[in-house]
């Protein structure tokens, strides 16, 4: 709780003194995001790993602090405005870590940041595409799922939210939809692959490997 209050102090200072064009400090903002993500993903806050009694006790006394800091990360990202492009693709991995935390409200609040990143790169890169974001997300997703994170609910929500946002966009409706479906099918194959690695059948493992490739 003390750490959370400290991080919240940093957010107001960053917004007041280090956001406008003349005083923007890339390293400070970078440090802020990495600190906030490290806090959110810290093992002592992962309520799913505790017994029901311990979980209830923590929520009653402190609430789910991951949501509080997660919503703040989201707000700080949107505050960046034209500076966002400086954080692509470097922030894709940390934001992915946040969205993978199995808390539904947190996921719904932070997954749309991915669409914002796509839109941002499309508008500012000069190439009218989002290849940097795309490559980074696919690489990091592979690593995270291999590391044990991600689940079926995440796959469904990721596809749903990306498709909803892309379909409303004048220029990203086609390429965005293709990308959303690609990521969803990749995630499905990665999750299958992770499950099947403990399977006795060599054929099953091989067919799963082929699907991922």
C-alpha atoms as a PDB file:
ATOM      1  CA  UNK A   1       0.000   0.000   0.000  1.00  0.00           C
ATOM      2  CA  UNK A   2       2.869   2.359   0.848  1.00  0.00           C
ATOM      3  CA  UNK A   3       4.537   1.597  -2.482  1.00  0.00           C
ATOM      4  CA  UNK A   4       1.247   2.194  -4.290  1.00  0.00           C
ATOM      5  CA  UNK A   5       0.886   5.619  -2.682  1.00  0.00           C
ATOM      6  CA  UNK A   6       4.462   6.470  -3.671  1.00  0.00           C
ATOM      7  CA  UNK A   7       3.885   5.402  -7.292  1.00  0.00           C
ATOM      8  CA  UNK A   8       0.713   7.512  -7.378  1.00  0.00           C
ATOM      9  CA  UNK A   9       2.780  10.500  -6.246  1.00  0.00           C
ATOM     10  CA  UNK A  10       5.151   9.906  -9.147  1.00  0.00           C
ATOM     11  CA  UNK A  11       2.254   9.926 -11.616  1.00  0.00           C
ATOM     12  CA  UNK A  12       1.098  13.387 -10.600  1.00  0.00           C
ATOM     13  CA  UNK A  13       4.664  14.760 -10.757  1.00  0.00           C
ATOM     14  CA  UNK A  14       5.248  13.219 -14.196  1.00  0.00           C
ATOM     15  CA  UNK A  15       2.000  14.646 -15.524  1.00  0.00           C
ATOM     16  CA  UNK A  16       2.634  18.109 -14.082  1.00  0.00           C
ATOM     17  CA  UNK A  17       6.308  18.638 -14.870  1.00  0.00           C
ATOM     18  CA  UNK A  18       7.551  16.100 -17.406  1.00  0.00           C
ATOM     19  CA  UNK A  19       4.838  15.714 -20.034  1.00  0.00           C
ATOM     20  CA  UNK A  20       4.756  18.816 -22.212  1.00  0.00           C
ATOM     21  CA  UNK A  21       6.922  19.004 -25.323  1.00  0.00           C
ATOM     22  CA  UNK A  22       9.607  21.208 -23.747  1.00  0.00           C
ATOM     23  CA  UNK A  23      10.122  19.138 -20.581  1.00  0.00           C
ATOM     24  CA  UNK A  24       9.318  15.601 -21.674  1.00  0.00           C
ATOM     25  CA  UNK A  25      11.693  13.065 -20.075  1.00  0.00           C
ATOM     26  CA  UNK A  26      11.650   9.757 -21.922  1.00  0.00           C
ATOM     27  CA  UNK A  27      13.789   7.909 -19.367  1.00  0.00           C
ATOM     28  CA  UNK A  28      11.613   9.013 -16.439  1.00  0.00           C
ATOM     29  CA  UNK A  29       8.424   7.878 -18.148  1.00  0.00           C
ATOM     30  CA  UNK A  30      10.072   4.620 -19.136  1.00  0.00           C
ATOM     31  CA  UNK A  31      11.151   4.039 -15.539  1.00  0.00           C
ATOM     32  CA  UNK A  32       7.633   4.820 -14.333  1.00  0.00           C
ATOM     33  CA  UNK A  33       6.018   2.244 -16.625  1.00  0.00           C
ATOM     34  CA  UNK A  34       8.532  -0.466 -15.730  1.00  0.00           C
ATOM     35  CA  UNK A  35       8.136   0.246 -12.015  1.00  0.00           C
ATOM     36  CA  UNK A  36       4.330   0.155 -12.223  1.00  0.00           C
ATOM     37  CA  UNK A  37       4.366  -3.114 -14.197  1.00  0.00           C
ATOM     38  CA  UNK A  38       6.849  -4.687 -11.741  1.00  0.00           C
ATOM     39  CA  UNK A  39       4.520  -3.689  -8.886  1.00  0.00           C
ATOM     40  CA  UNK A  40       1.408  -5.035 -10.616  1.00  0.00           C
ATOM     41  CA  UNK A  41       2.986  -8.389 -11.486  1.00  0.00           C
ATOM     42  CA  UNK A  42       4.718  -8.890  -8.115  1.00  0.00           C
ATOM     43  CA  UNK A  43       4.042 -12.356  -6.699  1.00  0.00           C
ATOM     44  CA  UNK A  44       2.714 -11.022  -3.380  1.00  0.00           C
ATOM     45  CA  UNK A  45      -0.221  -9.366  -5.199  1.00  0.00           C
ATOM     46  CA  UNK A  46      -1.317 -12.367  -7.294  1.00  0.00           C
ATOM     47  CA  UNK A  47      -4.499 -13.135  -5.363  1.00  0.00           C
ATOM     48  CA  UNK A  48      -5.310 -16.233  -7.454  1.00  0.00           C
ATOM     49  CA  UNK A  49      -2.382 -18.045  -5.851  1.00  0.00           C
ATOM     50  CA  UNK A  50      -3.745 -17.632  -2.294  1.00  0.00           C
ATOM     51  CA  UNK A  51      -6.352 -19.595  -0.378  1.00  0.00           C
ATOM     52  CA  UNK A  52      -9.906 -18.210  -0.534  1.00  0.00           C
ATOM     53  CA  UNK A  53      -9.706 -17.064   3.101  1.00  0.00           C
ATOM     54  CA  UNK A  54      -6.438 -15.164   2.592  1.00  0.00           C
ATOM     55  CA  UNK A  55      -7.729 -13.659  -0.657  1.00  0.00           C
ATOM     56  CA  UNK A  56     -10.923 -12.400   1.021  1.00  0.00           C
ATOM     57  CA  UNK A  57      -8.938 -10.916   3.882  1.00  0.00           C
ATOM     58  CA  UNK A  58      -6.604  -8.984   1.538  1.00  0.00           C
ATOM     59  CA  UNK A  59      -9.455  -7.738  -0.660  1.00  0.00           C
ATOM     60  CA  UNK A  60     -11.450  -6.604   2.378  1.00  0.00           C
ATOM     61  CA  UNK A  61      -8.524  -4.648   3.786  1.00  0.00           C
ATOM     62  CA  UNK A  62      -6.765  -3.347   0.653  1.00  0.00           C
ATOM     63  CA  UNK A  63      -8.852  -4.210  -2.403  1.00  0.00           C
ATOM     64  CA  UNK A  64      -7.091  -5.590  -5.466  1.00  0.00           C
ATOM     65  CA  UNK A  65      -4.171  -3.177  -5.794  1.00  0.00           C
ATOM     66  CA  UNK A  66      -3.346  -4.584  -9.228  1.00  0.00           C
ATOM     67  CA  UNK A  67      -6.507  -3.012 -10.614  1.00  0.00           C
ATOM     68  CA  UNK A  68      -5.716   0.356  -9.081  1.00  0.00           C
ATOM     69  CA  UNK A  69      -2.211   0.501 -10.557  1.00  0.00           C
ATOM     70  CA  UNK A  70      -3.378  -1.083 -13.821  1.00  0.00           C
ATOM     71  CA  UNK A  71      -5.982   1.621 -14.411  1.00  0.00           C
ATOM     72  CA  UNK A  72      -3.312   4.198 -13.629  1.00  0.00           C
ATOM     73  CA  UNK A  73      -0.928   2.637 -16.202  1.00  0.00           C
ATOM     74  CA  UNK A  74      -3.743   2.838 -18.764  1.00  0.00           C
ATOM     75  CA  UNK A  75      -4.440   6.512 -17.983  1.00  0.00           C
ATOM     76  CA  UNK A  76      -0.747   7.387 -18.080  1.00  0.00           C
ATOM     77  CA  UNK A  77      -0.385   5.702 -21.476  1.00  0.00           C
ATOM     78  CA  UNK A  78      -3.232   7.763 -22.947  1.00  0.00           C
ATOM     79  CA  UNK A  79      -1.791  10.949 -21.370  1.00  0.00           C
ATOM     80  CA  UNK A  80       1.359  10.503 -23.492  1.00  0.00           C
ATOM     81  CA  UNK A  81      -0.398  11.757 -26.636  1.00  0.00           C
ATOM     82  CA  UNK A  82       2.107  12.211 -29.499  1.00  0.00           C
ATOM     83  CA  UNK A  83       4.955  10.864 -27.299  1.00  0.00           C
ATOM     84  CA  UNK A  84       3.452   7.342 -27.507  1.00  0.00           C
ATOM     85  CA  UNK A  85       5.398   6.438 -30.650  1.00  0.00           C
ATOM     86  CA  UNK A  86       8.646   6.676 -28.613  1.00  0.00           C
ATOM     87  CA  UNK A  87       7.440   3.693 -26.540  1.00  0.00           C
ATOM     88  CA  UNK A  88       6.697   1.379 -29.464  1.00  0.00           C
ATOM     89  CA  UNK A  89       7.747  -1.420 -29.606  1.00  0.00           C
ATOM     90  CA  UNK A  90       9.577  -1.306 -26.232  1.00  0.00           C
ATOM     91  CA  UNK A  91       6.414  -1.063 -24.104  1.00  0.00           C
ATOM     92  CA  UNK A  92       4.544  -3.873 -25.898  1.00  0.00           C
ATOM     93  CA  UNK A  93       6.062  -6.572 -23.657  1.00  0.00           C
ATOM     94  CA  UNK A  94       5.382  -4.812 -20.325  1.00  0.00           C
ATOM     95  CA  UNK A  95       1.785  -3.992 -21.335  1.00  0.00           C
ATOM     96  CA  UNK A  96       1.318  -7.620 -22.412  1.00  0.00           C
ATOM     97  CA  UNK A  97       2.412  -8.725 -18.932  1.00  0.00           C
ATOM     98  CA  UNK A  98      -0.259  -6.464 -17.434  1.00  0.00           C
ATOM     99  CA  UNK A  99      -3.028  -7.775 -19.706  1.00  0.00           C
ATOM    100  CA  UNK A 100      -2.129 -11.395 -18.910  1.00  0.00           C
ATOM    101  CA  UNK A 101      -2.846 -10.982 -15.184  1.00  0.00           C
ATOM    102  CA  UNK A 102      -6.026 -13.084 -14.720  1.00  0.00           C
ATOM    103  CA  UNK A 103      -8.280 -10.276 -13.463  1.00  0.00           C
ATOM    104  CA  UNK A 104     -11.189  -9.631 -15.899  1.00  0.00           C
ATOM    105  CA  UNK A 105     -11.667  -5.893 -15.235  1.00  0.00           C
ATOM    106  CA  UNK A 106      -7.943  -5.247 -15.515  1.00  0.00           C
ATOM    107  CA  UNK A 107      -7.795  -7.125 -18.817  1.00  0.00           C
ATOM    108  CA  UNK A 108     -10.771  -5.217 -20.253  1.00  0.00           C
ATOM    109  CA  UNK A 109      -9.173  -1.909 -19.267  1.00  0.00           C
ATOM    110  CA  UNK A 110      -5.685  -2.607 -20.643  1.00  0.00           C
ATOM    111  CA  UNK A 111      -6.100  -4.773 -23.784  1.00  0.00           C
ATOM    112  CA  UNK A 112      -7.388  -1.721 -25.767  1.00  0.00           C
ATOM    113  CA  UNK A 113      -3.911  -0.184 -25.311  1.00  0.00           C
ATOM    114  CA  UNK A 114      -2.774  -2.668 -27.978  1.00  0.00           C
ATOM    115  CA  UNK A 115      -5.182  -1.174 -30.494  1.00  0.00           C
ATOM    116  CA  UNK A 116      -3.977   2.295 -29.538  1.00  0.00           C
ATOM    117  CA  UNK A 117      -0.395   1.193 -30.217  1.00  0.00           C
ATOM    118  CA  UNK A 118      -1.404  -0.183 -33.634  1.00  0.00           C
ATOM    119  CA  UNK A 119      -3.168   3.053 -34.470  1.00  0.00           C
ATOM    120  CA  UNK A 120      -0.265   5.136 -33.220  1.00  0.00           C
ATOM    121  CA  UNK A 121       2.353   3.296 -35.294  1.00  0.00           C
ATOM    122  CA  UNK A 122       0.053   3.355 -38.337  1.00  0.00           C
ATOM    123  CA  UNK A 123      -0.312   7.143 -38.050  1.00  0.00           C
ATOM    124  CA  UNK A 124       3.225   8.133 -37.088  1.00  0.00           C
ATOM    125  CA  UNK A 125       5.566   5.604 -38.707  1.00  0.00           C
ATOM    126  CA  UNK A 126       5.128   6.997 -42.194  1.00  0.00           C
ATOM    127  CA  UNK A 127       4.685   3.464 -43.581  1.00  0.00           C
ATOM    128  CA  UNK A 128       0.930   3.219 -42.883  1.00  0.00           C
ATOM    129  CA  UNK A 129       1.381  -0.122 -41.134  1.00  0.00           C
ATOM    130  CA  UNK A 130       2.033  -1.464 -37.624  1.00  0.00           C
ATOM    131  CA  UNK A 131       4.774  -4.033 -38.314  1.00  0.00           C
ATOM    132  CA  UNK A 132       6.962  -3.095 -35.318  1.00  0.00           C
ATOM    133  CA  UNK A 133       4.046  -3.583 -32.936  1.00  0.00           C
ATOM    134  CA  UNK A 134       2.928  -6.764 -34.700  1.00  0.00           C
ATOM    135  CA  UNK A 135       6.349  -8.455 -34.579  1.00  0.00           C
ATOM    136  CA  UNK A 136       6.933  -7.481 -30.963  1.00  0.00           C
ATOM    137  CA  UNK A 137       3.530  -8.708 -29.761  1.00  0.00           C
ATOM    138  CA  UNK A 138       3.912 -12.074 -31.506  1.00  0.00           C
ATOM    139  CA  UNK A 139       7.437 -12.577 -30.117  1.00  0.00           C
ATOM    140  CA  UNK A 140       6.480 -11.599 -26.561  1.00  0.00           C
ATOM    141  CA  UNK A 141       3.248 -13.600 -26.629  1.00  0.00           C
ATOM    142  CA  UNK A 142       5.229 -16.711 -27.530  1.00  0.00           C
ATOM    143  CA  UNK A 143       7.575 -16.140 -24.563  1.00  0.00           C
ATOM    144  CA  UNK A 144       4.784 -15.390 -22.069  1.00  0.00           C
ATOM    145  CA  UNK A 145       2.668 -18.421 -22.987  1.00  0.00           C
ATOM    146  CA  UNK A 146       5.735 -20.661 -22.840  1.00  0.00           C
ATOM    147  CA  UNK A 147       6.357 -19.212 -19.391  1.00  0.00           C
ATOM    148  CA  UNK A 148       2.927 -20.432 -18.254  1.00  0.00           C
ATOM    149  CA  UNK A 149       0.838 -17.275 -18.651  1.00  0.00           C
ATOM    150  CA  UNK A 150      -2.297 -16.878 -20.744  1.00  0.00           C
ATOM    151  CA  UNK A 151      -5.522 -18.905 -20.874  1.00  0.00           C
ATOM    152  CA  UNK A 152      -8.568 -19.534 -23.044  1.00  0.00           C
ATOM    153  CA  UNK A 153     -10.500 -16.581 -21.519  1.00  0.00           C
ATOM    154  CA  UNK A 154      -7.616 -14.272 -22.432  1.00  0.00           C
ATOM    155  CA  UNK A 155      -7.635 -15.505 -26.038  1.00  0.00           C
ATOM    156  CA  UNK A 156     -11.403 -14.885 -26.370  1.00  0.00           C
ATOM    157  CA  UNK A 157     -11.239 -11.409 -24.807  1.00  0.00           C
ATOM    158  CA  UNK A 158      -8.160 -10.342 -26.789  1.00  0.00           C
ATOM    159  CA  UNK A 159      -9.777 -11.308 -30.092  1.00  0.00           C
ATOM    160  CA  UNK A 160     -13.121  -9.709 -29.160  1.00  0.00           C
ATOM    161  CA  UNK A 161     -11.676  -6.354 -28.060  1.00  0.00           C
ATOM    162  CA  UNK A 162      -9.180  -6.052 -30.919  1.00  0.00           C
ATOM    163  CA  UNK A 163     -11.852  -6.872 -33.499  1.00  0.00           C
ATOM    164  CA  UNK A 164     -14.329  -4.396 -31.964  1.00  0.00           C
ATOM    165  CA  UNK A 165     -11.799  -1.560 -32.061  1.00  0.00           C
ATOM    166  CA  UNK A 166     -10.382  -2.370 -35.503  1.00  0.00           C
ATOM    167  CA  UNK A 167     -13.767  -2.677 -37.195  1.00  0.00           C
ATOM    168  CA  UNK A 168     -14.681   0.852 -36.123  1.00  0.00           C
ATOM    169  CA  UNK A 169     -11.496   2.338 -37.587  1.00  0.00           C
ATOM    170  CA  UNK A 170     -11.533   3.788 -41.094  1.00  0.00           C
ATOM    171  CA  UNK A 171      -8.084   2.531 -42.137  1.00  0.00           C
ATOM    172  CA  UNK A 172      -7.391  -0.376 -39.799  1.00  0.00           C
ATOM    173  CA  UNK A 173     -10.619  -2.303 -40.318  1.00  0.00           C
ATOM    174  CA  UNK A 174      -9.095  -4.780 -42.802  1.00  0.00           C
ATOM    175  CA  UNK A 175      -5.444  -5.129 -41.715  1.00  0.00           C
ATOM    176  CA  UNK A 176      -6.455  -4.892 -38.051  1.00  0.00           C
ATOM    177  CA  UNK A 177      -9.019  -7.658 -38.384  1.00  0.00           C
ATOM    178  CA  UNK A 178      -6.502  -9.924 -40.155  1.00  0.00           C
ATOM    179  CA  UNK A 179      -4.004  -9.253 -37.351  1.00  0.00           C
ATOM    180  CA  UNK A 180      -6.540  -9.864 -34.544  1.00  0.00           C
ATOM    181  CA  UNK A 181      -7.512 -13.238 -36.033  1.00  0.00           C
ATOM    182  CA  UNK A 182      -3.857 -14.153 -36.605  1.00  0.00           C
ATOM    183  CA  UNK A 183      -2.939 -13.408 -32.967  1.00  0.00           C
ATOM    184  CA  UNK A 184      -5.974 -15.311 -31.725  1.00  0.00           C
ATOM    185  CA  UNK A 185      -5.146 -18.440 -33.755  1.00  0.00           C
ATOM    186  CA  UNK A 186      -1.473 -18.208 -32.748  1.00  0.00           C
ATOM    187  CA  UNK A 187      -2.489 -17.967 -29.097  1.00  0.00           C
ATOM    188  CA  UNK A 188      -4.785 -20.965 -29.479  1.00  0.00           C
ATOM    189  CA  UNK A 189      -1.935 -23.025 -30.992  1.00  0.00           C
ATOM    190  CA  UNK A 190       0.507 -21.906 -28.290  1.00  0.00           C
ATOM    191  CA  UNK A 191      -1.943 -22.836 -25.522  1.00  0.00           C
ATOM    192  CA  UNK A 192      -2.568 -26.240 -27.167  1.00  0.00           C
ATOM    193  CA  UNK A 193       1.170 -26.750 -27.524  1.00  0.00           C
ATOM    194  CA  UNK A 194       1.756 -25.923 -23.866  1.00  0.00           C
ATOM    195  CA  UNK A 195      -0.923 -28.398 -22.783  1.00  0.00           C
ATOM    196  CA  UNK A 196       0.182 -31.196 -25.102  1.00  0.00           C
ATOM    197  CA  UNK A 197       3.830 -31.077 -24.025  1.00  0.00           C
ATOM    198  CA  UNK A 198       2.803 -33.309 -21.108  1.00  0.00           C
ATOM    199  CA  UNK A 199       0.986 -35.721 -23.420  1.00  0.00           C
ATOM    200  CA  UNK A 200       2.362 -39.241 -23.845  1.00  0.00           C
ATOM    201  CA  UNK A 201       1.469 -39.362 -27.544  1.00  0.00           C
ATOM    202  CA  UNK A 202       4.331 -38.378 -29.807  1.00  0.00           C
ATOM    203  CA  UNK A 203       1.905 -37.858 -32.741  1.00  0.00           C
ATOM    204  CA  UNK A 204      -0.166 -35.322 -30.785  1.00  0.00           C
ATOM    205  CA  UNK A 205       2.925 -33.405 -29.797  1.00  0.00           C
ATOM    206  CA  UNK A 206       4.186 -33.401 -33.370  1.00  0.00           C
ATOM    207  CA  UNK A 207       0.900 -32.180 -34.877  1.00  0.00           C
ATOM    208  CA  UNK A 208       0.737 -29.388 -32.277  1.00  0.00           C
ATOM    209  CA  UNK A 209       4.295 -28.342 -33.116  1.00  0.00           C
ATOM    210  CA  UNK A 210       3.411 -28.246 -36.813  1.00  0.00           C
ATOM    211  CA  UNK A 211       0.375 -26.026 -36.044  1.00  0.00           C
ATOM    212  CA  UNK A 212       2.493 -23.552 -34.121  1.00  0.00           C
ATOM    213  CA  UNK A 213       5.094 -23.429 -36.894  1.00  0.00           C
END
